[in-house]
Amino acid sequence: MIKGISPLVAAVILIAATMSIAGILSFWTTGFVKSKLGVAKNETEEMRCLNAEFKLYSGSYDGSTLYLVLENTRSYDLTLTELYLFNIDDTLIEPTTSLNEELEGSSIKALNRTVSNFTHGIIKTNCPEVSVEFTYSQVA
């Protein structure tokens, strides 16, 4: 006579199989969710940059020091990264000035830098498409 598996052994095998399948699925979904969250974070930064904007509120230049007042017109915080100054023939004045200044959302910030003569300049931010261009006549 052939005996079957005892109910206790059958229950243990079913629980072990269920837990193995659950472990495999959780391992797979964890990797999937992490990759999707990374993509979502990058898209969120890009969306914020689409809504970022700042402008030159005022400025002055006394022959050696450039004074700028910048206004962030949106709520997204910006990092001012570089100040590029150009000569009359559009050649870049070296060296460029690394700013690394925070311009908080909906705020005004004053900057001053010692610079040589220039005809126009550009201030770049952490958002590639967000920058401000200004001319000597705007700050003189």
N, C-alpha and C. Protein backbone atom coordinates (compact mmCIF):
# COMPACT_ATOMS: atom_id res chain seq x y z
N MET A 1 0.83 -1.16 0.00
CA MET A 1 0.00 0.00 0.00
C MET A 1 0.90 1.26 0.00
N ILE A 2 0.56 2.23 -0.81
CA ILE A 2 1.33 3.47 -0.94
C ILE A 2 0.73 4.52 0.00
N LYS A 3 1.62 5.06 0.79
CA LYS A 3 1.17 6.10 1.71
C LYS A 3 1.43 7.48 1.10
N GLY A 4 0.58 8.47 1.35
CA GLY A 4 0.76 9.83 0.87
C GLY A 4 1.61 10.64 1.84
N ILE A 5 1.84 11.86 1.50
CA ILE A 5 2.60 12.77 2.35
C ILE A 5 1.71 13.19 3.51
N SER A 6 2.27 13.27 4.67
CA SER A 6 1.46 13.67 5.81
C SER A 6 1.03 15.12 5.65
N PRO A 7 -0.10 15.49 6.17
CA PRO A 7 -0.60 16.87 6.06
C PRO A 7 0.38 17.90 6.62
N LEU A 8 1.10 17.57 7.65
CA LEU A 8 2.06 18.50 8.23
C LEU A 8 3.22 18.76 7.27
N VAL A 9 3.76 17.73 6.64
CA VAL A 9 4.85 17.88 5.68
C VAL A 9 4.37 18.65 4.46
N ALA A 10 3.16 18.38 4.00
CA ALA A 10 2.60 19.09 2.84
C ALA A 10 2.45 20.58 3.15
N ALA A 11 2.00 20.92 4.35
CA ALA A 11 1.84 22.33 4.73
C ALA A 11 3.20 23.03 4.77
N VAL A 12 4.21 22.36 5.30
CA VAL A 12 5.55 22.96 5.37
C VAL A 12 6.10 23.19 3.96
N ILE A 13 5.91 22.23 3.05
CA ILE A 13 6.38 22.38 1.66
C ILE A 13 5.65 23.54 0.98
N LEU A 14 4.35 23.67 1.16
CA LEU A 14 3.59 24.78 0.56
C LEU A 14 4.05 26.14 1.09
N ILE A 15 4.29 26.21 2.41
CA ILE A 15 4.74 27.48 2.99
C ILE A 15 6.14 27.82 2.47
N ALA A 16 7.02 26.84 2.38
CA ALA A 16 8.38 27.09 1.88
C ALA A 16 8.35 27.54 0.42
N ALA A 17 7.51 26.93 -0.41
CA ALA A 17 7.39 27.32 -1.81
C ALA A 17 6.84 28.73 -1.93
N THR A 18 5.84 29.05 -1.14
CA THR A 18 5.25 30.39 -1.17
C THR A 18 6.27 31.44 -0.74
N MET A 19 7.03 31.17 0.31
CA MET A 19 8.02 32.13 0.77
C MET A 19 9.15 32.31 -0.25
N SER A 20 9.54 31.25 -0.93
CA SER A 20 10.57 31.35 -1.97
C SER A 20 10.10 32.23 -3.11
N ILE A 21 8.88 32.02 -3.56
CA ILE A 21 8.32 32.84 -4.65
C ILE A 21 8.22 34.31 -4.21
N ALA A 22 7.78 34.53 -2.97
CA ALA A 22 7.67 35.90 -2.46
C ALA A 22 9.05 36.56 -2.40
N GLY A 23 10.06 35.84 -1.98
CA GLY A 23 11.42 36.39 -1.93
C GLY A 23 11.94 36.76 -3.30
N ILE A 24 11.71 35.89 -4.29
CA ILE A 24 12.15 36.17 -5.66
C ILE A 24 11.44 37.40 -6.20
N LEU A 25 10.14 37.50 -6.00
CA LEU A 25 9.37 38.66 -6.49
C LEU A 25 9.79 39.96 -5.80
N SER A 26 10.05 39.91 -4.48
CA SER A 26 10.45 41.14 -3.79
C SER A 26 11.84 41.60 -4.25
N PHE A 27 12.75 40.67 -4.50
CA PHE A 27 14.07 41.03 -5.01
C PHE A 27 13.96 41.70 -6.38
N TRP A 28 13.13 41.15 -7.24
CA TRP A 28 12.94 41.72 -8.58
C TRP A 28 12.28 43.09 -8.51
N THR A 29 11.22 43.24 -7.72
CA THR A 29 10.51 44.52 -7.66
C THR A 29 11.36 45.61 -7.00
N THR A 30 12.21 45.25 -6.04
CA THR A 30 13.07 46.26 -5.41
C THR A 30 14.00 46.89 -6.44
N GLY A 31 14.64 46.07 -7.26
CA GLY A 31 15.51 46.60 -8.32
C GLY A 31 14.74 47.44 -9.32
N PHE A 32 13.55 46.98 -9.67
CA PHE A 32 12.71 47.69 -10.64
C PHE A 32 12.30 49.06 -10.10
N VAL A 33 11.86 49.10 -8.85
CA VAL A 33 11.41 50.35 -8.25
C VAL A 33 12.57 51.33 -8.10
N LYS A 34 13.75 50.86 -7.67
CA LYS A 34 14.91 51.74 -7.54
C LYS A 34 15.30 52.37 -8.86
N SER A 35 15.26 51.60 -9.94
CA SER A 35 15.61 52.17 -11.24
C SER A 35 14.58 53.20 -11.69
N LYS A 36 13.32 52.94 -11.42
CA LYS A 36 12.28 53.90 -11.80
C LYS A 36 12.33 55.17 -10.96
N LEU A 37 12.69 55.06 -9.68
CA LEU A 37 12.81 56.24 -8.83
C LEU A 37 13.96 57.13 -9.29
N GLY A 38 15.06 56.53 -9.74
CA GLY A 38 16.17 57.32 -10.26
C GLY A 38 15.77 58.10 -11.49
N VAL A 39 15.02 57.49 -12.38
CA VAL A 39 14.54 58.18 -13.59
C VAL A 39 13.58 59.29 -13.20
N ALA A 40 12.69 59.01 -12.25
CA ALA A 40 11.71 60.01 -11.83
C ALA A 40 12.40 61.22 -11.19
N LYS A 41 13.47 60.99 -10.41
CA LYS A 41 14.19 62.10 -9.78
C LYS A 41 14.81 63.00 -10.84
N ASN A 42 15.43 62.41 -11.86
CA ASN A 42 16.01 63.21 -12.94
C ASN A 42 14.95 64.00 -13.68
N GLU A 43 13.80 63.38 -13.94
CA GLU A 43 12.72 64.08 -14.63
C GLU A 43 12.18 65.21 -13.78
N THR A 44 12.13 65.02 -12.46
CA THR A 44 11.66 66.08 -11.56
C THR A 44 12.61 67.27 -11.61
N GLU A 45 13.92 67.04 -11.60
CA GLU A 45 14.89 68.13 -11.70
C GLU A 45 14.73 68.87 -13.03
N GLU A 46 14.53 68.12 -14.11
CA GLU A 46 14.34 68.76 -15.41
C GLU A 46 13.07 69.59 -15.42
N MET A 47 12.00 69.10 -14.79
CA MET A 47 10.75 69.85 -14.74
C MET A 47 10.92 71.13 -13.92
N ARG A 48 11.66 71.05 -12.82
CA ARG A 48 11.90 72.25 -12.01
C ARG A 48 12.69 73.27 -12.81
N CYS A 49 13.68 72.79 -13.55
CA CYS A 49 14.50 73.70 -14.35
C CYS A 49 13.66 74.38 -15.43
N LEU A 50 12.63 73.70 -15.93
CA LEU A 50 11.76 74.32 -16.93
C LEU A 50 11.03 75.52 -16.36
N ASN A 51 10.78 75.50 -15.05
CA ASN A 51 10.06 76.59 -14.39
C ASN A 51 10.98 77.56 -13.67
N ALA A 52 12.29 77.45 -13.87
CA ALA A 52 13.24 78.33 -13.19
C ALA A 52 13.50 79.57 -14.04
N GLU A 53 13.69 80.68 -13.36
CA GLU A 53 13.97 81.93 -14.07
C GLU A 53 14.54 82.95 -13.08
N PHE A 54 15.53 83.69 -13.51
CA PHE A 54 16.02 84.80 -12.71
C PHE A 54 16.43 85.92 -13.65
N LYS A 55 16.58 87.12 -13.09
CA LYS A 55 16.92 88.27 -13.93
C LYS A 55 17.86 89.20 -13.18
N LEU A 56 18.49 90.05 -13.96
CA LEU A 56 19.35 91.09 -13.39
C LEU A 56 18.44 92.21 -12.91
N TYR A 57 18.38 92.39 -11.61
CA TYR A 57 17.53 93.42 -11.02
C TYR A 57 18.18 94.78 -11.17
N SER A 58 19.48 94.84 -10.87
CA SER A 58 20.24 96.07 -11.07
C SER A 58 21.72 95.72 -11.03
N GLY A 59 22.55 96.68 -11.42
CA GLY A 59 23.99 96.45 -11.40
C GLY A 59 24.76 97.73 -11.59
N SER A 60 26.03 97.67 -11.24
CA SER A 60 26.92 98.82 -11.46
C SER A 60 28.34 98.29 -11.61
N TYR A 61 29.19 99.13 -12.23
CA TYR A 61 30.59 98.77 -12.44
C TYR A 61 31.41 100.04 -12.25
N ASP A 62 32.37 99.99 -11.32
CA ASP A 62 33.17 101.18 -11.02
C ASP A 62 34.56 101.15 -11.66
N GLY A 63 34.78 100.26 -12.61
CA GLY A 63 36.07 100.16 -13.27
C GLY A 63 36.90 98.99 -12.79
N SER A 64 36.60 98.50 -11.59
CA SER A 64 37.33 97.34 -11.09
C SER A 64 36.42 96.31 -10.43
N THR A 65 35.30 96.76 -9.89
CA THR A 65 34.38 95.85 -9.20
C THR A 65 33.01 95.88 -9.88
N LEU A 66 32.51 94.70 -10.17
CA LEU A 66 31.18 94.53 -10.77
C LEU A 66 30.21 94.21 -9.65
N TYR A 67 29.17 95.03 -9.50
CA TYR A 67 28.14 94.83 -8.50
C TYR A 67 26.87 94.41 -9.22
N LEU A 68 26.31 93.28 -8.83
CA LEU A 68 25.09 92.78 -9.46
C LEU A 68 24.05 92.45 -8.40
N VAL A 69 22.80 92.78 -8.68
CA VAL A 69 21.68 92.37 -7.83
C VAL A 69 20.79 91.50 -8.72
N LEU A 70 20.63 90.24 -8.31
CA LEU A 70 19.88 89.26 -9.10
C LEU A 70 18.59 88.90 -8.39
N GLU A 71 17.53 88.72 -9.17
CA GLU A 71 16.24 88.37 -8.61
C GLU A 71 15.79 87.03 -9.17
N ASN A 72 15.52 86.08 -8.28
CA ASN A 72 14.93 84.80 -8.67
C ASN A 72 13.41 85.02 -8.71
N THR A 73 12.83 84.96 -9.89
CA THR A 73 11.42 85.28 -10.05
C THR A 73 10.50 84.07 -9.85
N ARG A 74 11.07 82.91 -9.59
CA ARG A 74 10.27 81.71 -9.38
C ARG A 74 10.61 81.11 -8.01
N SER A 75 9.91 80.06 -7.62
CA SER A 75 10.11 79.47 -6.29
C SER A 75 11.21 78.42 -6.24
N TYR A 76 11.76 78.02 -7.38
CA TYR A 76 12.79 76.99 -7.41
C TYR A 76 14.15 77.60 -7.09
N ASP A 77 14.86 77.03 -6.12
CA ASP A 77 16.20 77.51 -5.77
C ASP A 77 17.17 77.22 -6.90
N LEU A 78 18.02 78.19 -7.20
CA LEU A 78 19.04 78.05 -8.24
C LEU A 78 20.43 78.15 -7.63
N THR A 79 21.38 77.51 -8.27
CA THR A 79 22.79 77.67 -7.91
C THR A 79 23.47 78.43 -9.05
N LEU A 80 23.99 79.59 -8.75
CA LEU A 80 24.73 80.37 -9.74
C LEU A 80 26.11 79.72 -9.85
N THR A 81 26.47 79.27 -11.06
CA THR A 81 27.68 78.47 -11.19
C THR A 81 28.86 79.24 -11.77
N GLU A 82 28.66 80.00 -12.84
CA GLU A 82 29.78 80.65 -13.53
C GLU A 82 29.40 82.06 -13.97
N LEU A 83 30.40 82.93 -13.99
CA LEU A 83 30.27 84.28 -14.56
C LEU A 83 31.27 84.37 -15.70
N TYR A 84 30.76 84.56 -16.91
CA TYR A 84 31.61 84.71 -18.09
C TYR A 84 31.57 86.17 -18.52
N LEU A 85 32.75 86.75 -18.76
CA LEU A 85 32.84 88.12 -19.26
C LEU A 85 33.56 88.12 -20.60
N PHE A 86 33.11 89.01 -21.50
CA PHE A 86 33.62 89.04 -22.86
C PHE A 86 34.14 90.42 -23.23
N ASN A 87 35.14 90.45 -24.14
CA ASN A 87 35.68 91.68 -24.71
C ASN A 87 34.78 92.15 -25.85
N ILE A 88 35.14 93.30 -26.43
CA ILE A 88 34.37 93.87 -27.53
C ILE A 88 34.34 92.95 -28.76
N ASP A 89 35.39 92.14 -28.96
CA ASP A 89 35.42 91.23 -30.11
C ASP A 89 34.85 89.85 -29.77
N ASP A 90 34.07 89.75 -28.71
CA ASP A 90 33.42 88.52 -28.25
C ASP A 90 34.40 87.43 -27.81
N THR A 91 35.61 87.79 -27.45
CA THR A 91 36.53 86.80 -26.89
C THR A 91 36.33 86.76 -25.37
N LEU A 92 36.43 85.58 -24.83
CA LEU A 92 36.22 85.36 -23.41
C LEU A 92 37.40 85.92 -22.62
N ILE A 93 37.09 86.69 -21.59
CA ILE A 93 38.12 87.19 -20.69
C ILE A 93 38.44 86.06 -19.71
N GLU A 94 39.69 85.70 -19.62
CA GLU A 94 40.11 84.63 -18.72
C GLU A 94 40.60 85.21 -17.41
N PRO A 95 40.46 84.58 -16.31
CA PRO A 95 39.71 83.34 -16.14
C PRO A 95 38.24 83.64 -15.89
N THR A 96 37.40 82.67 -16.13
CA THR A 96 35.99 82.83 -15.78
C THR A 96 35.88 82.75 -14.26
N THR A 97 34.84 83.32 -13.74
CA THR A 97 34.67 83.35 -12.29
C THR A 97 33.68 82.27 -11.88
N SER A 98 34.13 81.38 -11.02
CA SER A 98 33.26 80.35 -10.46
C SER A 98 32.49 80.97 -9.30
N LEU A 99 31.17 80.90 -9.36
CA LEU A 99 30.35 81.57 -8.35
C LEU A 99 29.95 80.65 -7.20
N ASN A 100 29.32 79.54 -7.51
CA ASN A 100 28.82 78.60 -6.49
C ASN A 100 28.04 79.32 -5.39
N GLU A 101 27.09 80.14 -5.82
CA GLU A 101 26.25 80.91 -4.91
C GLU A 101 24.81 80.43 -5.05
N GLU A 102 24.11 80.31 -3.92
CA GLU A 102 22.71 79.92 -3.93
C GLU A 102 21.84 81.15 -4.12
N LEU A 103 20.87 81.03 -5.02
CA LEU A 103 19.87 82.07 -5.21
C LEU A 103 18.53 81.43 -4.90
N GLU A 104 18.07 81.64 -3.68
CA GLU A 104 16.86 80.98 -3.22
C GLU A 104 15.65 81.46 -4.01
N GLY A 105 14.64 80.59 -4.07
CA GLY A 105 13.43 80.92 -4.80
C GLY A 105 12.76 82.18 -4.29
N SER A 106 12.26 82.99 -5.22
CA SER A 106 11.54 84.23 -4.91
C SER A 106 12.35 85.15 -4.00
N SER A 107 13.63 85.31 -4.29
CA SER A 107 14.48 86.17 -3.46
C SER A 107 15.39 87.02 -4.32
N ILE A 108 16.06 87.95 -3.67
CA ILE A 108 17.01 88.84 -4.33
C ILE A 108 18.36 88.64 -3.66
N LYS A 109 19.43 88.63 -4.46
CA LYS A 109 20.78 88.41 -3.93
C LYS A 109 21.74 89.40 -4.59
N ALA A 110 22.64 89.95 -3.79
CA ALA A 110 23.67 90.86 -4.29
C ALA A 110 24.99 90.11 -4.42
N LEU A 111 25.69 90.36 -5.52
CA LEU A 111 27.01 89.79 -5.77
C LEU A 111 27.96 90.91 -6.13
N ASN A 112 29.22 90.77 -5.77
CA ASN A 112 30.24 91.68 -6.28
C ASN A 112 31.50 90.88 -6.57
N ARG A 113 32.13 91.20 -7.68
CA ARG A 113 33.34 90.52 -8.11
C ARG A 113 34.30 91.54 -8.70
N THR A 114 35.58 91.37 -8.43
CA THR A 114 36.61 92.19 -9.04
C THR A 114 36.86 91.65 -10.44
N VAL A 115 36.68 92.52 -11.44
CA VAL A 115 36.82 92.10 -12.83
C VAL A 115 37.54 93.18 -13.62
N SER A 116 38.04 92.79 -14.80
CA SER A 116 38.66 93.77 -15.70
C SER A 116 37.59 94.27 -16.67
N ASN A 117 37.99 95.16 -17.54
CA ASN A 117 37.04 95.74 -18.51
C ASN A 117 36.37 94.65 -19.32
N PHE A 118 35.11 94.87 -19.64
CA PHE A 118 34.32 93.92 -20.40
C PHE A 118 33.25 94.67 -21.18
N THR A 119 32.65 94.01 -22.15
CA THR A 119 31.53 94.61 -22.89
C THR A 119 30.21 93.94 -22.57
N HIS A 120 30.25 92.65 -22.29
CA HIS A 120 29.04 91.94 -21.90
C HIS A 120 29.40 90.69 -21.11
N GLY A 121 28.40 90.13 -20.43
CA GLY A 121 28.65 88.96 -19.60
C GLY A 121 27.45 88.04 -19.55
N ILE A 122 27.70 86.84 -19.03
CA ILE A 122 26.65 85.83 -18.87
C ILE A 122 26.84 85.18 -17.50
N ILE A 123 25.73 84.99 -16.79
CA ILE A 123 25.73 84.24 -15.54
C ILE A 123 24.99 82.94 -15.79
N LYS A 124 25.66 81.81 -15.54
CA LYS A 124 25.07 80.48 -15.74
C LYS A 124 24.63 79.90 -14.41
N THR A 125 23.66 78.97 -14.48
CA THR A 125 23.15 78.31 -13.28
C THR A 125 23.26 76.79 -13.41
N ASN A 126 22.81 76.10 -12.37
CA ASN A 126 22.78 74.64 -12.39
C ASN A 126 21.77 74.10 -13.40
N CYS A 127 20.86 74.91 -13.87
CA CYS A 127 19.92 74.53 -14.92
C CYS A 127 20.51 75.00 -16.25
N PRO A 128 20.82 74.08 -17.15
CA PRO A 128 21.55 74.44 -18.38
C PRO A 128 20.88 75.53 -19.23
N GLU A 129 19.58 75.59 -19.23
CA GLU A 129 18.88 76.55 -20.08
C GLU A 129 18.57 77.86 -19.37
N VAL A 130 18.96 78.00 -18.13
CA VAL A 130 18.63 79.19 -17.34
C VAL A 130 19.89 80.01 -17.10
N SER A 131 19.93 81.19 -17.71
CA SER A 131 21.08 82.08 -17.55
C SER A 131 20.62 83.52 -17.77
N VAL A 132 21.48 84.45 -17.43
CA VAL A 132 21.20 85.87 -17.64
C VAL A 132 22.37 86.48 -18.40
N GLU A 133 22.04 87.23 -19.44
CA GLU A 133 23.06 87.96 -20.18
C GLU A 133 22.88 89.45 -19.87
N PHE A 134 24.00 90.16 -19.78
CA PHE A 134 23.95 91.59 -19.51
C PHE A 134 25.07 92.28 -20.28
N THR A 135 24.90 93.57 -20.49
CA THR A 135 25.90 94.35 -21.22
C THR A 135 26.52 95.37 -20.26
N TYR A 136 27.66 95.91 -20.70
CA TYR A 136 28.35 96.95 -19.94
C TYR A 136 27.42 98.13 -19.69
N SER A 137 26.64 98.50 -20.69
CA SER A 137 25.76 99.67 -20.55
C SER A 137 24.67 99.44 -19.52
N GLN A 138 24.29 98.20 -19.26
CA GLN A 138 23.27 97.93 -18.23
C GLN A 138 23.80 98.11 -16.82
N VAL A 139 25.11 97.99 -16.65
CA VAL A 139 25.68 98.06 -15.30
C VAL A 139 26.62 99.25 -15.11
N ALA A 140 26.86 100.02 -16.14
CA ALA A 140 27.79 101.15 -16.03
C ALA A 140 27.11 102.36 -15.41
